[in-house]
Amino acid sequence: MCPYRLVLEHVTSRWGVLVLIALLERPYRFSELRRAIGRVSEKMLTQTLQTLERDGLVHRDAKPVIPPRVDYSLTDLGREAAEQVKTLASWTEQRMVAVLEARQAYDERKAP
């Protein structure tokens, strides 16, 4: 797979989109981010954060304290990507009525 397609897949994945949009607001600790996103398993969130960190979009800041504290934030590159994803998400929300109407019209045309 071409490298840019792989990054595009990471950024536009179900959890990638939600992580990027959430981190646009502010840095989050893992448990806060999980609550903010909702319905994501710990394993999937961990994998998503590691992937986005590897791609240079998310910064992981582990503080050497007891108990351990890890904060996640966007890098400059991640902020750019998140802004683009947020625009697409906003468009989707604004045009949902039109999408639902199109689906209904399609289903009616295809019905026996």
PDB file of N, CA and C in Angstrom:
ATOM      1  N   MET A   1       0.849  -1.181   0.000  1.00  0.00           N
ATOM      2  CA  MET A   1       0.000   0.000   0.000  1.00  0.00           C
ATOM      3  C   MET A   1       0.895   1.244   0.000  1.00  0.00           C
ATOM      4  N   CYS A   2       0.517   2.241  -0.774  1.00  0.00           N
ATOM      5  CA  CYS A   2       1.272   3.492  -0.825  1.00  0.00           C
ATOM      6  C   CYS A   2       1.273   4.145   0.558  1.00  0.00           C
ATOM      7  N   PRO A   3       2.385   4.738   0.956  1.00  0.00           N
ATOM      8  CA  PRO A   3       2.461   5.349   2.295  1.00  0.00           C
ATOM      9  C   PRO A   3       1.383   6.401   2.549  1.00  0.00           C
ATOM     10  N   TYR A   4       1.081   7.239   1.560  1.00  0.00           N
ATOM     11  CA  TYR A   4       0.070   8.272   1.805  1.00  0.00           C
ATOM     12  C   TYR A   4      -1.304   7.670   2.012  1.00  0.00           C
ATOM     13  N   ARG A   5      -1.587   6.552   1.360  1.00  0.00           N
ATOM     14  CA  ARG A   5      -2.883   5.903   1.542  1.00  0.00           C
ATOM     15  C   ARG A   5      -2.998   5.307   2.944  1.00  0.00           C
ATOM     16  N   LEU A   6      -1.892   4.816   3.457  1.00  0.00           N
ATOM     17  CA  LEU A   6      -1.885   4.263   4.799  1.00  0.00           C
ATOM     18  C   LEU A   6      -2.137   5.354   5.843  1.00  0.00           C
ATOM     19  N   VAL A   7      -1.496   6.510   5.681  1.00  0.00           N
ATOM     20  CA  VAL A   7      -1.724   7.633   6.597  1.00  0.00           C
ATOM     21  C   VAL A   7      -3.169   8.107   6.477  1.00  0.00           C
ATOM     22  N   LEU A   8      -3.674   8.178   5.258  1.00  0.00           N
ATOM     23  CA  LEU A   8      -5.070   8.575   5.051  1.00  0.00           C
ATOM     24  C   LEU A   8      -6.011   7.611   5.765  1.00  0.00           C
ATOM     25  N   GLU A   9      -5.690   6.339   5.719  1.00  0.00           N
ATOM     26  CA  GLU A   9      -6.495   5.343   6.418  1.00  0.00           C
ATOM     27  C   GLU A   9      -6.456   5.567   7.931  1.00  0.00           C
ATOM     28  N   HIS A  10      -5.288   5.899   8.447  1.00  0.00           N
ATOM     29  CA  HIS A  10      -5.160   6.152   9.892  1.00  0.00           C
ATOM     30  C   HIS A  10      -5.971   7.380  10.311  1.00  0.00           C
ATOM     31  N   VAL A  11      -5.859   8.441   9.531  1.00  0.00           N
ATOM     32  CA  VAL A  11      -6.526   9.705   9.862  1.00  0.00           C
ATOM     33  C   VAL A  11      -8.043   9.600   9.730  1.00  0.00           C
ATOM     34  N   THR A  12      -8.497   8.840   8.755  1.00  0.00           N
ATOM     35  CA  THR A  12      -9.938   8.766   8.499  1.00  0.00           C
ATOM     36  C   THR A  12     -10.602   7.531   9.086  1.00  0.00           C
ATOM     37  N   SER A  13      -9.853   6.756   9.867  1.00  0.00           N
ATOM     38  CA  SER A  13     -10.475   5.598  10.517  1.00  0.00           C
ATOM     39  C   SER A  13     -11.511   6.087  11.528  1.00  0.00           C
ATOM     40  N   ARG A  14     -12.396   5.194  11.904  1.00  0.00           N
ATOM     41  CA  ARG A  14     -13.467   5.555  12.847  1.00  0.00           C
ATOM     42  C   ARG A  14     -12.907   6.224  14.098  1.00  0.00           C
ATOM     43  N   TRP A  15     -11.918   5.602  14.724  1.00  0.00           N
ATOM     44  CA  TRP A  15     -11.392   6.136  15.969  1.00  0.00           C
ATOM     45  C   TRP A  15     -10.374   7.232  15.722  1.00  0.00           C
ATOM     46  N   GLY A  16      -9.665   7.171  14.613  1.00  0.00           N
ATOM     47  CA  GLY A  16      -8.702   8.223  14.284  1.00  0.00           C
ATOM     48  C   GLY A  16      -9.373   9.576  14.161  1.00  0.00           C
ATOM     49  N   VAL A  17     -10.483   9.613  13.469  1.00  0.00           N
ATOM     50  CA  VAL A  17     -11.250  10.852  13.312  1.00  0.00           C
ATOM     51  C   VAL A  17     -11.663  11.401  14.669  1.00  0.00           C
ATOM     52  N   LEU A  18     -12.222  10.548  15.507  1.00  0.00           N
ATOM     53  CA  LEU A  18     -12.720  10.999  16.801  1.00  0.00           C
ATOM     54  C   LEU A  18     -11.597  11.450  17.733  1.00  0.00           C
ATOM     55  N   VAL A  19     -10.461  10.761  17.688  1.00  0.00           N
ATOM     56  CA  VAL A  19      -9.307  11.160  18.504  1.00  0.00           C
ATOM     57  C   VAL A  19      -8.813  12.524  18.059  1.00  0.00           C
ATOM     58  N   LEU A  20      -8.631  12.701  16.765  1.00  0.00           N
ATOM     59  CA  LEU A  20      -8.111  13.973  16.256  1.00  0.00           C
ATOM     60  C   LEU A  20      -9.039  15.137  16.598  1.00  0.00           C
ATOM     61  N   ILE A  21     -10.327  14.946  16.412  1.00  0.00           N
ATOM     62  CA  ILE A  21     -11.286  16.015  16.711  1.00  0.00           C
ATOM     63  C   ILE A  21     -11.291  16.334  18.207  1.00  0.00           C
ATOM     64  N   ALA A  22     -11.261  15.310  19.042  1.00  0.00           N
ATOM     65  CA  ALA A  22     -11.250  15.546  20.494  1.00  0.00           C
ATOM     66  C   ALA A  22      -9.994  16.307  20.917  1.00  0.00           C
ATOM     67  N   LEU A  23      -8.849  15.916  20.371  1.00  0.00           N
ATOM     68  CA  LEU A  23      -7.598  16.559  20.765  1.00  0.00           C
ATOM     69  C   LEU A  23      -7.458  17.982  20.226  1.00  0.00           C
ATOM     70  N   LEU A  24      -8.322  18.361  19.297  1.00  0.00           N
ATOM     71  CA  LEU A  24      -8.354  19.766  18.859  1.00  0.00           C
ATOM     72  C   LEU A  24      -8.769  20.673  20.006  1.00  0.00           C
ATOM     73  N   GLU A  25      -9.627  20.162  20.892  1.00  0.00           N
ATOM     74  CA  GLU A  25     -10.124  20.957  22.019  1.00  0.00           C
ATOM     75  C   GLU A  25      -9.017  21.276  23.013  1.00  0.00           C
ATOM     76  N   ARG A  26      -8.249  20.208  23.385  1.00  0.00           N
ATOM     77  CA  ARG A  26      -7.220  20.356  24.409  1.00  0.00           C
ATOM     78  C   ARG A  26      -6.496  19.028  24.564  1.00  0.00           C
ATOM     79  N   PRO A  27      -5.378  19.021  25.282  1.00  0.00           N
ATOM     80  CA  PRO A  27      -4.729  17.741  25.601  1.00  0.00           C
ATOM     81  C   PRO A  27      -5.611  16.937  26.554  1.00  0.00           C
ATOM     82  N   TYR A  28      -5.510  15.631  26.460  1.00  0.00           N
ATOM     83  CA  TYR A  28      -6.284  14.732  27.309  1.00  0.00           C
ATOM     84  C   TYR A  28      -5.385  13.674  27.908  1.00  0.00           C
ATOM     85  N   ARG A  29      -5.740  13.220  29.099  1.00  0.00           N
ATOM     86  CA  ARG A  29      -5.179  11.992  29.645  1.00  0.00           C
ATOM     87  C   ARG A  29      -5.950  10.849  28.991  1.00  0.00           C
ATOM     88  N   PHE A  30      -5.362   9.661  29.021  1.00  0.00           N
ATOM     89  CA  PHE A  30      -5.960   8.511  28.336  1.00  0.00           C
ATOM     90  C   PHE A  30      -7.414   8.287  28.741  1.00  0.00           C
ATOM     91  N   SER A  31      -7.669   8.201  30.049  1.00  0.00           N
ATOM     92  CA  SER A  31      -9.027   7.903  30.520  1.00  0.00           C
ATOM     93  C   SER A  31     -10.005   9.024  30.162  1.00  0.00           C
ATOM     94  N   GLU A  32      -9.543  10.270  30.193  1.00  0.00           N
ATOM     95  CA  GLU A  32     -10.405  11.395  29.803  1.00  0.00           C
ATOM     96  C   GLU A  32     -10.765  11.297  28.327  1.00  0.00           C
ATOM     97  N   LEU A  33      -9.763  10.977  27.525  1.00  0.00           N
ATOM     98  CA  LEU A  33      -9.983  10.865  26.080  1.00  0.00           C
ATOM     99  C   LEU A  33     -10.950   9.733  25.777  1.00  0.00           C
ATOM    100  N   ARG A  34     -10.790   8.641  26.471  1.00  0.00           N
ATOM    101  CA  ARG A  34     -11.692   7.500  26.272  1.00  0.00           C
ATOM    102  C   ARG A  34     -13.128   7.873  26.606  1.00  0.00           C
ATOM    103  N   ARG A  35     -13.323   8.604  27.695  1.00  0.00           N
ATOM    104  CA  ARG A  35     -14.677   9.052  28.058  1.00  0.00           C
ATOM    105  C   ARG A  35     -15.211  10.062  27.046  1.00  0.00           C
ATOM    106  N   ALA A  36     -14.349  10.965  26.586  1.00  0.00           N
ATOM    107  CA  ALA A  36     -14.778  11.991  25.626  1.00  0.00           C
ATOM    108  C   ALA A  36     -15.235  11.370  24.305  1.00  0.00           C
ATOM    109  N   ILE A  37     -14.542  10.322  23.884  1.00  0.00           N
ATOM    110  CA  ILE A  37     -14.887   9.658  22.624  1.00  0.00           C
ATOM    111  C   ILE A  37     -16.081   8.738  22.805  1.00  0.00           C
ATOM    112  N   GLY A  38     -16.059   7.948  23.871  1.00  0.00           N
ATOM    113  CA  GLY A  38     -17.163   7.032  24.152  1.00  0.00           C
ATOM    114  C   GLY A  38     -17.127   5.787  23.286  1.00  0.00           C
ATOM    115  N   ARG A  39     -17.506   4.673  23.887  1.00  0.00           N
ATOM    116  CA  ARG A  39     -17.686   3.390  23.206  1.00  0.00           C
ATOM    117  C   ARG A  39     -16.457   2.878  22.463  1.00  0.00           C
ATOM    118  N   VAL A  40     -15.282   3.241  22.919  1.00  0.00           N
ATOM    119  CA  VAL A  40     -14.053   2.708  22.333  1.00  0.00           C
ATOM    120  C   VAL A  40     -13.363   1.854  23.400  1.00  0.00           C
ATOM    121  N   SER A  41     -12.891   0.698  22.978  1.00  0.00           N
ATOM    122  CA  SER A  41     -12.200  -0.168  23.940  1.00  0.00           C
ATOM    123  C   SER A  41     -10.828   0.418  24.265  1.00  0.00           C
ATOM    124  N   GLU A  42     -10.304   0.025  25.406  1.00  0.00           N
ATOM    125  CA  GLU A  42      -8.986   0.485  25.808  1.00  0.00           C
ATOM    126  C   GLU A  42      -7.940   0.060  24.779  1.00  0.00           C
ATOM    127  N   LYS A  43      -8.050  -1.181  24.315  1.00  0.00           N
ATOM    128  CA  LYS A  43      -7.111  -1.709  23.323  1.00  0.00           C
ATOM    129  C   LYS A  43      -7.154  -0.901  22.031  1.00  0.00           C
ATOM    130  N   MET A  44      -8.346  -0.616  21.534  1.00  0.00           N
ATOM    131  CA  MET A  44      -8.473   0.106  20.261  1.00  0.00           C
ATOM    132  C   MET A  44      -7.975   1.537  20.398  1.00  0.00           C
ATOM    133  N   LEU A  45      -8.266   2.183  21.514  1.00  0.00           N
ATOM    134  CA  LEU A  45      -7.787   3.547  21.718  1.00  0.00           C
ATOM    135  C   LEU A  45      -6.261   3.558  21.808  1.00  0.00           C
ATOM    136  N   THR A  46      -5.699   2.593  22.514  1.00  0.00           N
ATOM    137  CA  THR A  46      -4.242   2.492  22.620  1.00  0.00           C
ATOM    138  C   THR A  46      -3.622   2.323  21.236  1.00  0.00           C
ATOM    139  N   GLN A  47      -4.170   1.419  20.434  1.00  0.00           N
ATOM    140  CA  GLN A  47      -3.645   1.180  19.088  1.00  0.00           C
ATOM    141  C   GLN A  47      -3.763   2.429  18.218  1.00  0.00           C
ATOM    142  N   THR A  48      -4.901   3.104  18.316  1.00  0.00           N
ATOM    143  CA  THR A  48      -5.114   4.309  17.513  1.00  0.00           C
ATOM    144  C   THR A  48      -4.121   5.400  17.900  1.00  0.00           C
ATOM    145  N   LEU A  49      -3.944   5.611  19.198  1.00  0.00           N
ATOM    146  CA  LEU A  49      -3.003   6.629  19.663  1.00  0.00           C
ATOM    147  C   LEU A  49      -1.570   6.293  19.244  1.00  0.00           C
ATOM    148  N   GLN A  50      -1.188   5.032  19.346  1.00  0.00           N
ATOM    149  CA  GLN A  50       0.164   4.633  18.930  1.00  0.00           C
ATOM    150  C   GLN A  50       0.369   4.852  17.437  1.00  0.00           C
ATOM    151  N   THR A  51      -0.624   4.526  16.646  1.00  0.00           N
ATOM    152  CA  THR A  51      -0.534   4.716  15.196  1.00  0.00           C
ATOM    153  C   THR A  51      -0.406   6.190  14.853  1.00  0.00           C
ATOM    154  N   LEU A  52      -1.239   7.022  15.467  1.00  0.00           N
ATOM    155  CA  LEU A  52      -1.194   8.460  15.195  1.00  0.00           C
ATOM    156  C   LEU A  52       0.095   9.085  15.719  1.00  0.00           C
ATOM    157  N   GLU A  53       0.608   8.555  16.819  1.00  0.00           N
ATOM    158  CA  GLU A  53       1.884   9.033  17.343  1.00  0.00           C
ATOM    159  C   GLU A  53       3.011   8.667  16.373  1.00  0.00           C
ATOM    160  N   ARG A  54       2.994   7.454  15.869  1.00  0.00           N
ATOM    161  CA  ARG A  54       4.021   7.007  14.920  1.00  0.00           C
ATOM    162  C   ARG A  54       3.994   7.849  13.646  1.00  0.00           C
ATOM    163  N   ASP A  55       2.798   8.250  13.222  1.00  0.00           N
ATOM    164  CA  ASP A  55       2.650   9.087  12.026  1.00  0.00           C
ATOM    165  C   ASP A  55       3.014  10.547  12.287  1.00  0.00           C
ATOM    166  N   GLY A  56       3.316  10.893  13.541  1.00  0.00           N
ATOM    167  CA  GLY A  56       3.709  12.257  13.863  1.00  0.00           C
ATOM    168  C   GLY A  56       2.555  13.209  14.092  1.00  0.00           C
ATOM    169  N   LEU A  57       1.363  12.658  14.339  1.00  0.00           N
ATOM    170  CA  LEU A  57       0.175  13.491  14.503  1.00  0.00           C
ATOM    171  C   LEU A  57      -0.172  13.737  15.969  1.00  0.00           C
ATOM    172  N   VAL A  58       0.202  12.805  16.821  1.00  0.00           N
ATOM    173  CA  VAL A  58      -0.109  12.893  18.249  1.00  0.00           C
ATOM    174  C   VAL A  58       1.192  12.858  19.040  1.00  0.00           C
ATOM    175  N   HIS A  59       1.224  13.670  20.083  1.00  0.00           N
ATOM    176  CA  HIS A  59       2.372  13.697  20.993  1.00  0.00           C
ATOM    177  C   HIS A  59       1.957  13.038  22.300  1.00  0.00           C
ATOM    178  N   ARG A  60       2.776  12.100  22.767  1.00  0.00           N
ATOM    179  CA  ARG A  60       2.539  11.416  24.035  1.00  0.00           C
ATOM    180  C   ARG A  60       3.552  11.938  25.038  1.00  0.00           C
ATOM    181  N   ASP A  61       3.047  12.527  26.119  1.00  0.00           N
ATOM    182  CA  ASP A  61       3.908  13.104  27.144  1.00  0.00           C
ATOM    183  C   ASP A  61       3.734  12.318  28.432  1.00  0.00           C
ATOM    184  N   ALA A  62       4.698  11.431  28.721  1.00  0.00           N
ATOM    185  CA  ALA A  62       4.662  10.612  29.930  1.00  0.00           C
ATOM    186  C   ALA A  62       5.451  11.325  31.022  1.00  0.00           C
ATOM    187  N   LYS A  63       4.778  11.647  32.102  1.00  0.00           N
ATOM    188  CA  LYS A  63       5.408  12.339  33.229  1.00  0.00           C
ATOM    189  C   LYS A  63       5.901  11.307  34.245  1.00  0.00           C
ATOM    190  N   PRO A  64       7.133  11.438  34.729  1.00  0.00           N
ATOM    191  CA  PRO A  64       7.678  10.472  35.686  1.00  0.00           C
ATOM    192  C   PRO A  64       7.200  10.752  37.114  1.00  0.00           C
ATOM    193  N   VAL A  65       5.927  10.526  37.343  1.00  0.00           N
ATOM    194  CA  VAL A  65       5.344  10.748  38.671  1.00  0.00           C
ATOM    195  C   VAL A  65       4.611   9.478  39.101  1.00  0.00           C
ATOM    196  N   ILE A  66       4.241   9.440  40.370  1.00  0.00           N
ATOM    197  CA  ILE A  66       3.471   8.314  40.901  1.00  0.00           C
ATOM    198  C   ILE A  66       2.113   8.863  41.325  1.00  0.00           C
ATOM    199  N   PRO A  67       1.001   8.386  40.831  1.00  0.00           N
ATOM    200  CA  PRO A  67       0.879   7.397  39.759  1.00  0.00           C
ATOM    201  C   PRO A  67       1.300   8.005  38.418  1.00  0.00           C
ATOM    202  N   PRO A  68       1.641   7.151  37.444  1.00  0.00           N
ATOM    203  CA  PRO A  68       2.079   7.660  36.137  1.00  0.00           C
ATOM    204  C   PRO A  68       1.017   8.559  35.508  1.00  0.00           C
ATOM    205  N   ARG A  69       1.467   9.592  34.836  1.00  0.00           N
ATOM    206  CA  ARG A  69       0.555  10.508  34.148  1.00  0.00           C
ATOM    207  C   ARG A  69       1.013  10.628  32.701  1.00  0.00           C
ATOM    208  N   VAL A  70       0.094  10.349  31.798  1.00  0.00           N
ATOM    209  CA  VAL A  70       0.388  10.449  30.374  1.00  0.00           C
ATOM    210  C   VAL A  70      -0.655  11.359  29.740  1.00  0.00           C
ATOM    211  N   ASP A  71      -0.178  12.395  29.066  1.00  0.00           N
ATOM    212  CA  ASP A  71      -1.061  13.311  28.355  1.00  0.00           C
ATOM    213  C   ASP A  71      -0.846  13.158  26.858  1.00  0.00           C
ATOM    214  N   TYR A  72      -1.940  13.286  26.116  1.00  0.00           N
ATOM    215  CA  TYR A  72      -1.891  13.221  24.655  1.00  0.00           C
ATOM    216  C   TYR A  72      -2.328  14.562  24.095  1.00  0.00           C
ATOM    217  N   SER A  73      -1.604  15.027  23.093  1.00  0.00           N
ATOM    218  CA  SER A  73      -1.944  16.284  22.429  1.00  0.00           C
ATOM    219  C   SER A  73      -1.600  16.152  20.952  1.00  0.00           C
ATOM    220  N   LEU A  74      -2.033  17.127  20.188  1.00  0.00           N
ATOM    221  CA  LEU A  74      -1.731  17.134  18.758  1.00  0.00           C
ATOM    222  C   LEU A  74      -0.397  17.818  18.501  1.00  0.00           C
ATOM    223  N   THR A  75       0.333  17.306  17.549  1.00  0.00           N
ATOM    224  CA  THR A  75       1.506  18.005  17.045  1.00  0.00           C
ATOM    225  C   THR A  75       1.001  19.054  16.058  1.00  0.00           C
ATOM    226  N   ASP A  76       1.882  19.881  15.536  1.00  0.00           N
ATOM    227  CA  ASP A  76       1.461  20.848  14.510  1.00  0.00           C
ATOM    228  C   ASP A  76       0.883  20.124  13.297  1.00  0.00           C
ATOM    229  N   LEU A  77       1.530  19.040  12.918  1.00  0.00           N
ATOM    230  CA  LEU A  77       1.051  18.238  11.792  1.00  0.00           C
ATOM    231  C   LEU A  77      -0.319  17.636  12.110  1.00  0.00           C
ATOM    232  N   GLY A  78      -0.472  17.158  13.330  1.00  0.00           N
ATOM    233  CA  GLY A  78      -1.745  16.597  13.766  1.00  0.00           C
ATOM    234  C   GLY A  78      -2.856  17.625  13.793  1.00  0.00           C
ATOM    235  N   ARG A  79      -2.524  18.853  14.194  1.00  0.00           N
ATOM    236  CA  ARG A  79      -3.523  19.923  14.207  1.00  0.00           C
ATOM    237  C   ARG A  79      -4.015  20.211  12.788  1.00  0.00           C
ATOM    238  N   GLU A  80      -3.090  20.223  11.835  1.00  0.00           N
ATOM    239  CA  GLU A  80      -3.484  20.424  10.428  1.00  0.00           C
ATOM    240  C   GLU A  80      -4.449  19.331   9.976  1.00  0.00           C
ATOM    241  N   ALA A  81      -4.083  18.079  10.261  1.00  0.00           N
ATOM    242  CA  ALA A  81      -4.938  16.957   9.867  1.00  0.00           C
ATOM    243  C   ALA A  81      -6.289  17.023  10.569  1.00  0.00           C
ATOM    244  N   ALA A  82      -6.276  17.336  11.855  1.00  0.00           N
ATOM    245  CA  ALA A  82      -7.513  17.393  12.635  1.00  0.00           C
ATOM    246  C   ALA A  82      -8.454  18.475  12.109  1.00  0.00           C
ATOM    247  N   GLU A  83      -7.914  19.599  11.710  1.00  0.00           N
ATOM    248  CA  GLU A  83      -8.754  20.671  11.155  1.00  0.00           C
ATOM    249  C   GLU A  83      -9.445  20.194   9.874  1.00  0.00           C
ATOM    250  N   GLN A  84      -8.712  19.473   9.048  1.00  0.00           N
ATOM    251  CA  GLN A  84      -9.298  18.951   7.802  1.00  0.00           C
ATOM    252  C   GLN A  84     -10.397  17.927   8.106  1.00  0.00           C
ATOM    253  N   VAL A  85     -10.118  17.029   9.035  1.00  0.00           N
ATOM    254  CA  VAL A  85     -11.092  16.005   9.406  1.00  0.00           C
ATOM    255  C   VAL A  85     -12.329  16.649  10.031  1.00  0.00           C
ATOM    256  N   LYS A  86     -12.114  17.669  10.844  1.00  0.00           N
ATOM    257  CA  LYS A  86     -13.240  18.352  11.490  1.00  0.00           C
ATOM    258  C   LYS A  86     -14.128  19.029  10.455  1.00  0.00           C
ATOM    259  N   THR A  87     -13.525  19.581   9.422  1.00  0.00           N
ATOM    260  CA  THR A  87     -14.307  20.192   8.349  1.00  0.00           C
ATOM    261  C   THR A  87     -15.206  19.154   7.681  1.00  0.00           C
ATOM    262  N   LEU A  88     -14.646  17.995   7.393  1.00  0.00           N
ATOM    263  CA  LEU A  88     -15.436  16.925   6.791  1.00  0.00           C
ATOM    264  C   LEU A  88     -16.539  16.453   7.736  1.00  0.00           C
ATOM    265  N   ALA A  89     -16.226  16.314   9.015  1.00  0.00           N
ATOM    266  CA  ALA A  89     -17.226  15.888   9.993  1.00  0.00           C
ATOM    267  C   ALA A  89     -18.349  16.925  10.101  1.00  0.00           C
ATOM    268  N   SER A  90     -17.996  18.204  10.077  1.00  0.00           N
ATOM    269  CA  SER A  90     -19.010  19.273  10.143  1.00  0.00           C
ATOM    270  C   SER A  90     -19.903  19.243   8.920  1.00  0.00           C
ATOM    271  N   TRP A  91     -19.298  19.048   7.753  1.00  0.00           N
ATOM    272  CA  TRP A  91     -20.083  18.962   6.515  1.00  0.00           C
ATOM    273  C   TRP A  91     -21.063  17.800   6.604  1.00  0.00           C
ATOM    274  N   THR A  92     -20.587  16.662   7.096  1.00  0.00           N
ATOM    275  CA  THR A  92     -21.440  15.479   7.219  1.00  0.00           C
ATOM    276  C   THR A  92     -22.631  15.772   8.126  1.00  0.00           C
ATOM    277  N   GLU A  93     -22.368  16.411   9.253  1.00  0.00           N
ATOM    278  CA  GLU A  93     -23.439  16.741  10.187  1.00  0.00           C
ATOM    279  C   GLU A  93     -24.447  17.705   9.556  1.00  0.00           C
ATOM    280  N   GLN A  94     -23.946  18.709   8.860  1.00  0.00           N
ATOM    281  CA  GLN A  94     -24.823  19.718   8.247  1.00  0.00           C
ATOM    282  C   GLN A  94     -25.647  19.140   7.097  1.00  0.00           C
ATOM    283  N   ARG A  95     -25.126  18.158   6.391  1.00  0.00           N
ATOM    284  CA  ARG A  95     -25.798  17.619   5.208  1.00  0.00           C
ATOM    285  C   ARG A  95     -26.492  16.278   5.453  1.00  0.00           C
ATOM    286  N   MET A  96     -26.607  15.884   6.714  1.00  0.00           N
ATOM    287  CA  MET A  96     -27.174  14.577   7.035  1.00  0.00           C
ATOM    288  C   MET A  96     -28.599  14.418   6.534  1.00  0.00           C
ATOM    289  N   VAL A  97     -29.407  15.461   6.599  1.00  0.00           N
ATOM    290  CA  VAL A  97     -30.787  15.379   6.114  1.00  0.00           C
ATOM    291  C   VAL A  97     -30.798  15.040   4.625  1.00  0.00           C
ATOM    292  N   ALA A  98     -29.949  15.695   3.850  1.00  0.00           N
ATOM    293  CA  ALA A  98     -29.872  15.415   2.409  1.00  0.00           C
ATOM    294  C   ALA A  98     -29.409  13.983   2.152  1.00  0.00           C
ATOM    295  N   VAL A  99     -28.470  13.502   2.951  1.00  0.00           N
ATOM    296  CA  VAL A  99     -27.991  12.122   2.800  1.00  0.00           C
ATOM    297  C   VAL A  99     -29.117  11.139   3.103  1.00  0.00           C
ATOM    298  N   LEU A 100     -29.854  11.383   4.167  1.00  0.00           N
ATOM    299  CA  LEU A 100     -30.961  10.495   4.516  1.00  0.00           C
ATOM    300  C   LEU A 100     -32.039  10.498   3.433  1.00  0.00           C
ATOM    301  N   GLU A 101     -32.326  11.663   2.865  1.00  0.00           N
ATOM    302  CA  GLU A 101     -33.295  11.747   1.766  1.00  0.00           C
ATOM    303  C   GLU A 101     -32.804  10.968   0.549  1.00  0.00           C
ATOM    304  N   ALA A 102     -31.529  11.083   0.241  1.00  0.00           N
ATOM    305  CA  ALA A 102     -30.952  10.356  -0.896  1.00  0.00           C
ATOM    306  C   ALA A 102     -31.032   8.850  -0.659  1.00  0.00           C
ATOM    307  N   ARG A 103     -30.756   8.414   0.558  1.00  0.00           N
ATOM    308  CA  ARG A 103     -30.840   6.995   0.880  1.00  0.00           C
ATOM    309  C   ARG A 103     -32.262   6.474   0.707  1.00  0.00           C
ATOM    310  N   GLN A 104     -33.202   7.262   1.212  1.00  0.00           N
ATOM    311  CA  GLN A 104     -34.609   6.851   1.100  1.00  0.00           C
ATOM    312  C   GLN A 104     -35.024   6.758  -0.351  1.00  0.00           C
ATOM    313  N   ALA A 105     -34.658   7.741  -1.166  1.00  0.00           N
ATOM    314  CA  ALA A 105     -35.002   7.722  -2.590  1.00  0.00           C
ATOM    315  C   ALA A 105     -34.354   6.530  -3.270  1.00  0.00           C
ATOM    316  N   TYR A 106     -33.125   6.229  -2.950  1.00  0.00           N
ATOM    317  CA  TYR A 106     -32.429   5.075  -3.524  1.00  0.00           C
ATOM    318  C   TYR A 106     -33.151   3.779  -3.159  1.00  0.00           C
ATOM    319  N   ASP A 107     -33.461   3.637  -1.864  1.00  0.00           N
ATOM    320  CA  ASP A 107     -34.133   2.417  -1.396  1.00  0.00           C
ATOM    321  C   ASP A 107     -35.494   2.241  -2.061  1.00  0.00           C
ATOM    322  N   GLU A 108     -36.210   3.338  -2.279  1.00  0.00           N
ATOM    323  CA  GLU A 108     -37.510   3.255  -2.935  1.00  0.00           C
ATOM    324  C   GLU A 108     -37.364   2.840  -4.398  1.00  0.00           C
ATOM    325  N   ARG A 109     -36.324   3.335  -5.062  1.00  0.00           N
ATOM    326  CA  ARG A 109     -36.074   2.937  -6.461  1.00  0.00           C
ATOM    327  C   ARG A 109     -35.683   1.478  -6.580  1.00  0.00           C
ATOM    328  N   LYS A 110     -34.990   0.970  -5.596  1.00  0.00           N
ATOM    329  CA  LYS A 110     -34.484  -0.412  -5.639  1.00  0.00           C
ATOM    330  C   LYS A 110     -35.474  -1.428  -5.078  1.00  0.00           C
ATOM    331  N   ALA A 111     -36.515  -0.961  -4.406  1.00  0.00           N
ATOM    332  CA  ALA A 111     -37.492  -1.877  -3.815  1.00  0.00           C
ATOM    333  C   ALA A 111     -38.232  -2.625  -4.908  1.00  0.00           C
ATOM    334  N   PRO A 112     -38.518  -3.919  -4.673  1.00  0.00           N
ATOM    335  CA  PRO A 112     -39.225  -4.722  -5.694  1.00  0.00           C
ATOM    336  C   PRO A 112     -40.644  -4.276  -5.904  1.00  0.00           C
TER     337      PRO A 112
END
